[in-house]
């Protein structure tokens, strides 16, 4: 109906509206990627701007005043094109972008590390769609990025996908049916996978229950599975190792050892 929703609300409606739901647009910033919805093409900065507009409205409602300016953070490894696309998104959203700063620097400031006298830190930032690692030195209240590395095709979404693939395989073994061809089923699997991943950070196993995940002439089908943390760790072992490569690279570039 022309309404745009962002965040949790968008995730909830994705089950019934998968073809109009966009995820992980940050991965495409600075590229020629386009997405067509209802016959209209959108570029990554335009989609990003919609998210920024929502944040702008939320901030204005909380502060009770108009927000005209912003500092926007980006992964430290973002290219000039990716940074410019981010700045463009801010402009489209109606913001004057004062600065684009690196996320590791922002995280360090948020943790109050700028109050330290001298410190060397490694910031490991595994987001939903991107990963970056940076080594920073703080001296006299100023952060200097000594080295940075990352992978804009590695993130929490990839961990979720491993659980989704596993659920699809298990369901296929049991019922002979392929859920990967059903967009609505896949959206429910995505939500369940993310929830299971979050649970496994605190518990040794996660129960996954998706009633009425599928229906055919024989009746409704349900998905009930249990995923242990140890099995999940095996499933994502290569993803964990993929994050170690950039981490070692950053350490080498900065000429630091873990003991430093």
C-alpha atoms as a PDB file:
ATOM      1  CA  UNK A   1       0.000   0.000   0.000  1.00  0.00           C
ATOM      2  CA  UNK A   2       2.987   2.290  -0.480  1.00  0.00           C
ATOM      3  CA  UNK A   3       4.031   2.180   3.167  1.00  0.00           C
ATOM      4  CA  UNK A   4       7.724   1.705   3.962  1.00  0.00           C
ATOM      5  CA  UNK A   5       8.700  -0.153   7.097  1.00  0.00           C
ATOM      6  CA  UNK A   6      12.183  -0.652   8.529  1.00  0.00           C
ATOM      7  CA  UNK A   7      13.789  -3.001  11.038  1.00  0.00           C
ATOM      8  CA  UNK A   8      11.809  -5.493  13.113  1.00  0.00           C
ATOM      9  CA  UNK A   9       8.482  -4.546  11.529  1.00  0.00           C
ATOM     10  CA  UNK A  10       9.981  -5.103   8.072  1.00  0.00           C
ATOM     11  CA  UNK A  11      11.280  -8.512   9.125  1.00  0.00           C
ATOM     12  CA  UNK A  12       7.852  -9.524  10.428  1.00  0.00           C
ATOM     13  CA  UNK A  13       6.023  -8.607   7.226  1.00  0.00           C
ATOM     14  CA  UNK A  14       8.667 -10.262   5.039  1.00  0.00           C
ATOM     15  CA  UNK A  15       6.914 -13.619   5.486  1.00  0.00           C
ATOM     16  CA  UNK A  16       3.860 -12.390   3.586  1.00  0.00           C
ATOM     17  CA  UNK A  17       5.738  -9.963   1.336  1.00  0.00           C
ATOM     18  CA  UNK A  18       9.146 -11.480   0.476  1.00  0.00           C
ATOM     19  CA  UNK A  19       9.408 -10.003  -3.035  1.00  0.00           C
ATOM     20  CA  UNK A  20       9.195  -6.464  -1.626  1.00  0.00           C
ATOM     21  CA  UNK A  21      11.584  -6.991   1.269  1.00  0.00           C
ATOM     22  CA  UNK A  22      15.238  -5.938   1.040  1.00  0.00           C
ATOM     23  CA  UNK A  23      18.026  -7.168   3.326  1.00  0.00           C
ATOM     24  CA  UNK A  24      21.733  -6.404   3.743  1.00  0.00           C
ATOM     25  CA  UNK A  25      21.821  -3.477   1.301  1.00  0.00           C
ATOM     26  CA  UNK A  26      25.067  -2.344   2.934  1.00  0.00           C
ATOM     27  CA  UNK A  27      26.892  -5.085   1.022  1.00  0.00           C
ATOM     28  CA  UNK A  28      25.945  -3.395  -2.242  1.00  0.00           C
ATOM     29  CA  UNK A  29      26.932   0.194  -1.391  1.00  0.00           C
ATOM     30  CA  UNK A  30      29.196   1.673  -4.041  1.00  0.00           C
ATOM     31  CA  UNK A  31      28.275  -0.963  -6.646  1.00  0.00           C
ATOM     32  CA  UNK A  32      26.053  -0.833  -9.743  1.00  0.00           C
ATOM     33  CA  UNK A  33      23.528  -3.151  -8.058  1.00  0.00           C
ATOM     34  CA  UNK A  34      19.865  -2.246  -8.603  1.00  0.00           C
ATOM     35  CA  UNK A  35      16.655  -3.769  -7.325  1.00  0.00           C
ATOM     36  CA  UNK A  36      13.280  -3.472  -9.043  1.00  0.00           C
ATOM     37  CA  UNK A  37      10.102  -3.297  -6.972  1.00  0.00           C
ATOM     38  CA  UNK A  38       6.716  -2.685  -8.589  1.00  0.00           C
ATOM     39  CA  UNK A  39       8.426  -1.684 -11.826  1.00  0.00           C
ATOM     40  CA  UNK A  40      10.677   0.942 -10.238  1.00  0.00           C
ATOM     41  CA  UNK A  41      14.454   0.621  -9.966  1.00  0.00           C
ATOM     42  CA  UNK A  42      16.234   1.489  -6.732  1.00  0.00           C
ATOM     43  CA  UNK A  43      19.973   1.928  -6.153  1.00  0.00           C
ATOM     44  CA  UNK A  44      21.665   1.052  -2.831  1.00  0.00           C
ATOM     45  CA  UNK A  45      21.965   4.701  -1.648  1.00  0.00           C
ATOM     46  CA  UNK A  46      18.209   5.147  -2.142  1.00  0.00           C
ATOM     47  CA  UNK A  47      17.411   2.075  -0.026  1.00  0.00           C
ATOM     48  CA  UNK A  48      19.961   3.133   2.595  1.00  0.00           C
ATOM     49  CA  UNK A  49      18.370   6.601   2.655  1.00  0.00           C
ATOM     50  CA  UNK A  50      15.009   5.066   3.594  1.00  0.00           C
ATOM     51  CA  UNK A  51      16.651   3.469   6.636  1.00  0.00           C
ATOM     52  CA  UNK A  52      18.356   6.750   7.555  1.00  0.00           C
ATOM     53  CA  UNK A  53      15.041   8.608   7.235  1.00  0.00           C
ATOM     54  CA  UNK A  54      13.523   6.207   9.774  1.00  0.00           C
ATOM     55  CA  UNK A  55      16.447   6.792  12.157  1.00  0.00           C
ATOM     56  CA  UNK A  56      16.091  10.548  11.620  1.00  0.00           C
ATOM     57  CA  UNK A  57      12.376  10.423  12.505  1.00  0.00           C
ATOM     58  CA  UNK A  58      13.050   8.301  15.597  1.00  0.00           C
ATOM     59  CA  UNK A  59      15.780  10.681  16.790  1.00  0.00           C
ATOM     60  CA  UNK A  60      13.558  13.709  16.196  1.00  0.00           C
ATOM     61  CA  UNK A  61      10.686  12.116  18.132  1.00  0.00           C
ATOM     62  CA  UNK A  62      13.011  11.309  21.039  1.00  0.00           C
ATOM     63  CA  UNK A  63      14.790  14.677  21.140  1.00  0.00           C
ATOM     64  CA  UNK A  64      11.797  16.818  20.259  1.00  0.00           C
ATOM     65  CA  UNK A  65      13.714  18.799  17.650  1.00  0.00           C
ATOM     66  CA  UNK A  66      14.610  18.619  13.974  1.00  0.00           C
ATOM     67  CA  UNK A  67      17.751  16.706  13.019  1.00  0.00           C
ATOM     68  CA  UNK A  68      19.590  18.304  10.109  1.00  0.00           C
ATOM     69  CA  UNK A  69      23.143  16.989  10.470  1.00  0.00           C
ATOM     70  CA  UNK A  70      24.730  13.605  11.094  1.00  0.00           C
ATOM     71  CA  UNK A  71      27.994  11.727  11.364  1.00  0.00           C
ATOM     72  CA  UNK A  72      27.692   8.353   9.618  1.00  0.00           C
ATOM     73  CA  UNK A  73      29.956   5.384  10.269  1.00  0.00           C
ATOM     74  CA  UNK A  74      31.218   2.868   7.705  1.00  0.00           C
ATOM     75  CA  UNK A  75      33.461  -0.214   7.764  1.00  0.00           C
ATOM     76  CA  UNK A  76      37.094   0.870   7.856  1.00  0.00           C
ATOM     77  CA  UNK A  77      37.864  -0.953   4.601  1.00  0.00           C
ATOM     78  CA  UNK A  78      35.109   0.851   2.633  1.00  0.00           C
ATOM     79  CA  UNK A  79      36.433   2.263  -0.647  1.00  0.00           C
ATOM     80  CA  UNK A  80      35.983   5.864  -1.766  1.00  0.00           C
ATOM     81  CA  UNK A  81      33.021   4.757  -3.907  1.00  0.00           C
ATOM     82  CA  UNK A  82      31.362   3.037  -0.944  1.00  0.00           C
ATOM     83  CA  UNK A  83      31.947   6.062   1.282  1.00  0.00           C
ATOM     84  CA  UNK A  84      30.529   8.394  -1.349  1.00  0.00           C
ATOM     85  CA  UNK A  85      27.463   6.159  -1.761  1.00  0.00           C
ATOM     86  CA  UNK A  86      26.948   6.337   2.014  1.00  0.00           C
ATOM     87  CA  UNK A  87      27.256  10.117   1.927  1.00  0.00           C
ATOM     88  CA  UNK A  88      24.761  10.222  -0.959  1.00  0.00           C
ATOM     89  CA  UNK A  89      22.326   8.169   1.128  1.00  0.00           C
ATOM     90  CA  UNK A  90      22.564  10.726   3.921  1.00  0.00           C
ATOM     91  CA  UNK A  91      21.904  13.571   1.502  1.00  0.00           C
ATOM     92  CA  UNK A  92      18.866  11.794   0.014  1.00  0.00           C
ATOM     93  CA  UNK A  93      17.592  11.294   3.569  1.00  0.00           C
ATOM     94  CA  UNK A  94      17.705  15.068   4.100  1.00  0.00           C
ATOM     95  CA  UNK A  95      20.832  15.127   6.230  1.00  0.00           C
ATOM     96  CA  UNK A  96      23.973  17.205   6.005  1.00  0.00           C
ATOM     97  CA  UNK A  97      26.681  14.579   6.489  1.00  0.00           C
ATOM     98  CA  UNK A  98      29.363  16.272   8.555  1.00  0.00           C
ATOM     99  CA  UNK A  99      31.759  13.349   8.485  1.00  0.00           C
ATOM    100  CA  UNK A 100      32.072   9.727   7.459  1.00  0.00           C
ATOM    101  CA  UNK A 101      34.085   7.934  10.146  1.00  0.00           C
ATOM    102  CA  UNK A 102      35.297   4.378  10.506  1.00  0.00           C
ATOM    103  CA  UNK A 103      33.143   2.050  12.599  1.00  0.00           C
ATOM    104  CA  UNK A 104      36.059   0.746  14.710  1.00  0.00           C
ATOM    105  CA  UNK A 105      36.910   4.318  15.729  1.00  0.00           C
ATOM    106  CA  UNK A 106      33.262   4.938  16.555  1.00  0.00           C
ATOM    107  CA  UNK A 107      33.083   1.733  18.624  1.00  0.00           C
ATOM    108  CA  UNK A 108      36.220   2.700  20.523  1.00  0.00           C
ATOM    109  CA  UNK A 109      34.750   6.110  21.340  1.00  0.00           C
ATOM    110  CA  UNK A 110      31.458   4.506  22.412  1.00  0.00           C
ATOM    111  CA  UNK A 111      33.321   2.307  24.889  1.00  0.00           C
ATOM    112  CA  UNK A 112      35.069   5.355  26.305  1.00  0.00           C
ATOM    113  CA  UNK A 113      38.503   4.130  25.281  1.00  0.00           C
ATOM    114  CA  UNK A 114      39.471   7.676  24.321  1.00  0.00           C
ATOM    115  CA  UNK A 115      39.702   8.347  28.076  1.00  0.00           C
ATOM    116  CA  UNK A 116      42.695   6.015  28.304  1.00  0.00           C
ATOM    117  CA  UNK A 117      46.166   7.547  28.138  1.00  0.00           C
ATOM    118  CA  UNK A 118      47.744   5.145  25.663  1.00  0.00           C
ATOM    119  CA  UNK A 119      46.254   1.908  24.430  1.00  0.00           C
ATOM    120  CA  UNK A 120      46.400  -0.429  21.432  1.00  0.00           C
ATOM    121  CA  UNK A 121      43.167  -2.213  20.603  1.00  0.00           C
ATOM    122  CA  UNK A 122      41.827  -4.642  18.033  1.00  0.00           C
ATOM    123  CA  UNK A 123      38.194  -4.107  17.032  1.00  0.00           C
ATOM    124  CA  UNK A 124      36.505  -7.236  15.619  1.00  0.00           C
ATOM    125  CA  UNK A 125      33.228  -6.186  14.016  1.00  0.00           C
ATOM    126  CA  UNK A 126      31.067  -8.965  12.602  1.00  0.00           C
ATOM    127  CA  UNK A 127      27.846  -7.296  11.504  1.00  0.00           C
ATOM    128  CA  UNK A 128      24.795  -8.669   9.757  1.00  0.00           C
ATOM    129  CA  UNK A 129      26.249  -8.470   6.277  1.00  0.00           C
ATOM    130  CA  UNK A 130      29.839  -7.289   6.592  1.00  0.00           C
ATOM    131  CA  UNK A 131      32.948  -7.996   8.638  1.00  0.00           C
ATOM    132  CA  UNK A 132      35.878  -5.772   9.417  1.00  0.00           C
ATOM    133  CA  UNK A 133      38.781  -5.807  11.809  1.00  0.00           C
ATOM    134  CA  UNK A 134      40.967  -2.851  12.709  1.00  0.00           C
ATOM    135  CA  UNK A 135      43.925  -2.179  14.943  1.00  0.00           C
ATOM    136  CA  UNK A 136      43.961   1.258  16.532  1.00  0.00           C
ATOM    137  CA  UNK A 137      46.471   3.079  18.678  1.00  0.00           C
ATOM    138  CA  UNK A 138      45.356   5.784  21.063  1.00  0.00           C
ATOM    139  CA  UNK A 139      47.836   8.477  21.971  1.00  0.00           C
ATOM    140  CA  UNK A 140      47.040  11.848  23.533  1.00  0.00           C
ATOM    141  CA  UNK A 141      43.313  11.389  22.927  1.00  0.00           C
ATOM    142  CA  UNK A 142      43.707  10.711  19.203  1.00  0.00           C
ATOM    143  CA  UNK A 143      42.979   7.372  17.528  1.00  0.00           C
ATOM    144  CA  UNK A 144      45.242   6.296  14.703  1.00  0.00           C
ATOM    145  CA  UNK A 145      44.153   3.357  12.554  1.00  0.00           C
ATOM    146  CA  UNK A 146      47.311   1.254  12.191  1.00  0.00           C
ATOM    147  CA  UNK A 147      45.771  -1.386   9.948  1.00  0.00           C
ATOM    148  CA  UNK A 148      42.418  -2.571   8.712  1.00  0.00           C
ATOM    149  CA  UNK A 149      41.045  -5.514   6.799  1.00  0.00           C
ATOM    150  CA  UNK A 150      37.714  -7.180   6.239  1.00  0.00           C
ATOM    151  CA  UNK A 151      35.224  -8.905   3.994  1.00  0.00           C
ATOM    152  CA  UNK A 152      32.013  -7.238   2.828  1.00  0.00           C
ATOM    153  CA  UNK A 153      30.561 -10.651   1.971  1.00  0.00           C
ATOM    154  CA  UNK A 154      30.857 -12.124   5.440  1.00  0.00           C
ATOM    155  CA  UNK A 155      28.461 -11.507   8.300  1.00  0.00           C
ATOM    156  CA  UNK A 156      25.773 -12.850  10.578  1.00  0.00           C
ATOM    157  CA  UNK A 157      23.524 -13.426   7.564  1.00  0.00           C
ATOM    158  CA  UNK A 158      25.950 -16.112   6.384  1.00  0.00           C
ATOM    159  CA  UNK A 159      25.765 -17.861   9.760  1.00  0.00           C
ATOM    160  CA  UNK A 160      21.963 -17.763   9.499  1.00  0.00           C
ATOM    161  CA  UNK A 161      22.146 -19.229   5.998  1.00  0.00           C
ATOM    162  CA  UNK A 162      24.014 -22.292   7.277  1.00  0.00           C
ATOM    163  CA  UNK A 163      21.157 -22.994   9.691  1.00  0.00           C
ATOM    164  CA  UNK A 164      18.600 -22.403   6.915  1.00  0.00           C
ATOM    165  CA  UNK A 165      20.398 -24.851   4.595  1.00  0.00           C
ATOM    166  CA  UNK A 166      20.523 -27.426   7.397  1.00  0.00           C
ATOM    167  CA  UNK A 167      16.789 -27.046   8.128  1.00  0.00           C
ATOM    168  CA  UNK A 168      15.952 -27.378   4.417  1.00  0.00           C
ATOM    169  CA  UNK A 169      18.068 -30.554   4.193  1.00  0.00           C
ATOM    170  CA  UNK A 170      16.557 -32.084   7.335  1.00  0.00           C
ATOM    171  CA  UNK A 171      13.005 -31.354   6.183  1.00  0.00           C
ATOM    172  CA  UNK A 172      13.757 -32.803   2.751  1.00  0.00           C
ATOM    173  CA  UNK A 173      15.129 -35.999   4.311  1.00  0.00           C
ATOM    174  CA  UNK A 174      12.011 -36.407   6.408  1.00  0.00           C
ATOM    175  CA  UNK A 175       9.303 -35.369   3.939  1.00  0.00           C
ATOM    176  CA  UNK A 176      10.895 -35.382   0.495  1.00  0.00           C
ATOM    177  CA  UNK A 177       9.796 -31.761   0.076  1.00  0.00           C
ATOM    178  CA  UNK A 178      12.097 -28.860  -0.859  1.00  0.00           C
ATOM    179  CA  UNK A 179      11.339 -25.738   1.188  1.00  0.00           C
ATOM    180  CA  UNK A 180      13.945 -23.687  -0.695  1.00  0.00           C
ATOM    181  CA  UNK A 181      11.452 -23.205  -3.545  1.00  0.00           C
ATOM    182  CA  UNK A 182       8.852 -21.595  -1.251  1.00  0.00           C
ATOM    183  CA  UNK A 183       9.590 -17.873  -0.531  1.00  0.00           C
ATOM    184  CA  UNK A 184       7.237 -17.705   2.451  1.00  0.00           C
ATOM    185  CA  UNK A 185       8.698 -20.836   4.006  1.00  0.00           C
ATOM    186  CA  UNK A 186      12.216 -19.474   3.489  1.00  0.00           C
ATOM    187  CA  UNK A 187      11.302 -16.241   5.260  1.00  0.00           C
ATOM    188  CA  UNK A 188      10.039 -18.214   8.267  1.00  0.00           C
ATOM    189  CA  UNK A 189      13.245 -20.271   8.184  1.00  0.00           C
ATOM    190  CA  UNK A 190      15.324 -17.062   8.141  1.00  0.00           C
ATOM    191  CA  UNK A 191      13.586 -15.758  11.245  1.00  0.00           C
ATOM    192  CA  UNK A 192      13.929 -19.117  13.011  1.00  0.00           C
ATOM    193  CA  UNK A 193      17.609 -19.396  12.047  1.00  0.00           C
ATOM    194  CA  UNK A 194      18.449 -15.978  13.465  1.00  0.00           C
ATOM    195  CA  UNK A 195      16.584 -16.750  16.677  1.00  0.00           C
ATOM    196  CA  UNK A 196      18.386 -20.098  17.040  1.00  0.00           C
ATOM    197  CA  UNK A 197      21.761 -18.414  16.471  1.00  0.00           C
ATOM    198  CA  UNK A 198      21.016 -15.867  19.194  1.00  0.00           C
ATOM    199  CA  UNK A 199      19.889 -18.606  21.599  1.00  0.00           C
ATOM    200  CA  UNK A 200      23.053 -20.628  20.957  1.00  0.00           C
ATOM    201  CA  UNK A 201      25.195 -17.734  22.171  1.00  0.00           C
ATOM    202  CA  UNK A 202      23.684 -18.331  25.619  1.00  0.00           C
ATOM    203  CA  UNK A 203      22.533 -21.971  25.594  1.00  0.00           C
ATOM    204  CA  UNK A 204      24.049 -25.267  24.480  1.00  0.00           C
ATOM    205  CA  UNK A 205      21.078 -26.125  22.254  1.00  0.00           C
ATOM    206  CA  UNK A 206      18.158 -24.428  20.524  1.00  0.00           C
ATOM    207  CA  UNK A 207      14.745 -25.879  19.752  1.00  0.00           C
ATOM    208  CA  UNK A 208      13.245 -24.918  16.392  1.00  0.00           C
ATOM    209  CA  UNK A 209       9.503 -25.352  15.947  1.00  0.00           C
ATOM    210  CA  UNK A 210       7.722 -24.188  12.791  1.00  0.00           C
ATOM    211  CA  UNK A 211       4.169 -25.541  12.574  1.00  0.00           C
ATOM    212  CA  UNK A 212       2.432 -25.533   9.190  1.00  0.00           C
ATOM    213  CA  UNK A 213       5.665 -24.781   7.359  1.00  0.00           C
ATOM    214  CA  UNK A 214       4.239 -26.490   4.276  1.00  0.00           C
ATOM    215  CA  UNK A 215       1.023 -28.087   3.066  1.00  0.00           C
ATOM    216  CA  UNK A 216       0.181 -30.393   0.167  1.00  0.00           C
ATOM    217  CA  UNK A 217      -2.589 -32.815  -0.742  1.00  0.00           C
ATOM    218  CA  UNK A 218      -1.629 -35.070   2.167  1.00  0.00           C
ATOM    219  CA  UNK A 219      -2.116 -32.267   4.669  1.00  0.00           C
ATOM    220  CA  UNK A 220      -0.035 -29.756   6.665  1.00  0.00           C
ATOM    221  CA  UNK A 221       3.631 -30.363   7.461  1.00  0.00           C
ATOM    222  CA  UNK A 222       5.505 -29.185  10.538  1.00  0.00           C
ATOM    223  CA  UNK A 223       9.210 -28.682  11.198  1.00  0.00           C
ATOM    224  CA  UNK A 224      10.612 -29.547  14.619  1.00  0.00           C
ATOM    225  CA  UNK A 225      14.377 -29.703  15.097  1.00  0.00           C
ATOM    226  CA  UNK A 226      16.992 -29.370  17.806  1.00  0.00           C
ATOM    227  CA  UNK A 227      20.334 -27.731  17.024  1.00  0.00           C
ATOM    228  CA  UNK A 228      23.244 -28.076  19.437  1.00  0.00           C
ATOM    229  CA  UNK A 229      25.912 -25.438  19.817  1.00  0.00           C
ATOM    230  CA  UNK A 230      28.628 -27.980  18.974  1.00  0.00           C
ATOM    231  CA  UNK A 231      26.892 -28.908  15.702  1.00  0.00           C
ATOM    232  CA  UNK A 232      26.431 -25.230  14.841  1.00  0.00           C
ATOM    233  CA  UNK A 233      30.128 -24.572  15.470  1.00  0.00           C
ATOM    234  CA  UNK A 234      30.996 -27.335  13.001  1.00  0.00           C
ATOM    235  CA  UNK A 235      28.544 -25.885  10.453  1.00  0.00           C
ATOM    236  CA  UNK A 236      30.176 -22.445  10.591  1.00  0.00           C
ATOM    237  CA  UNK A 237      33.811 -23.471  11.152  1.00  0.00           C
ATOM    238  CA  UNK A 238      34.849 -22.225   7.709  1.00  0.00           C
ATOM    239  CA  UNK A 239      33.106 -18.878   8.308  1.00  0.00           C
ATOM    240  CA  UNK A 240      34.997 -18.442  11.572  1.00  0.00           C
ATOM    241  CA  UNK A 241      38.233 -19.282   9.778  1.00  0.00           C
ATOM    242  CA  UNK A 242      37.299 -16.810   7.022  1.00  0.00           C
ATOM    243  CA  UNK A 243      37.288 -14.058   9.647  1.00  0.00           C
ATOM    244  CA  UNK A 244      40.719 -15.119  10.897  1.00  0.00           C
ATOM    245  CA  UNK A 245      42.400 -14.352   7.559  1.00  0.00           C
ATOM    246  CA  UNK A 246      41.626 -10.601   7.659  1.00  0.00           C
ATOM    247  CA  UNK A 247      42.452 -10.566  11.387  1.00  0.00           C
ATOM    248  CA  UNK A 248      45.918 -12.040  10.773  1.00  0.00           C
ATOM    249  CA  UNK A 249      46.373  -9.659   7.830  1.00  0.00           C
ATOM    250  CA  UNK A 250      45.599  -6.633   9.996  1.00  0.00           C
ATOM    251  CA  UNK A 251      47.981  -7.887  12.699  1.00  0.00           C
ATOM    252  CA  UNK A 252      50.751  -8.373  10.141  1.00  0.00           C
ATOM    253  CA  UNK A 253      50.146  -4.990   8.504  1.00  0.00           C
ATOM    254  CA  UNK A 254      50.286  -3.261  11.889  1.00  0.00           C
ATOM    255  CA  UNK A 255      53.370  -5.315  12.838  1.00  0.00           C
ATOM    256  CA  UNK A 256      51.735  -6.551  16.043  1.00  0.00           C
ATOM    257  CA  UNK A 257      51.614  -9.899  17.794  1.00  0.00           C
ATOM    258  CA  UNK A 258      48.589 -11.068  19.863  1.00  0.00           C
ATOM    259  CA  UNK A 259      50.721 -10.561  22.978  1.00  0.00           C
ATOM    260  CA  UNK A 260      51.010  -6.838  22.151  1.00  0.00           C
END
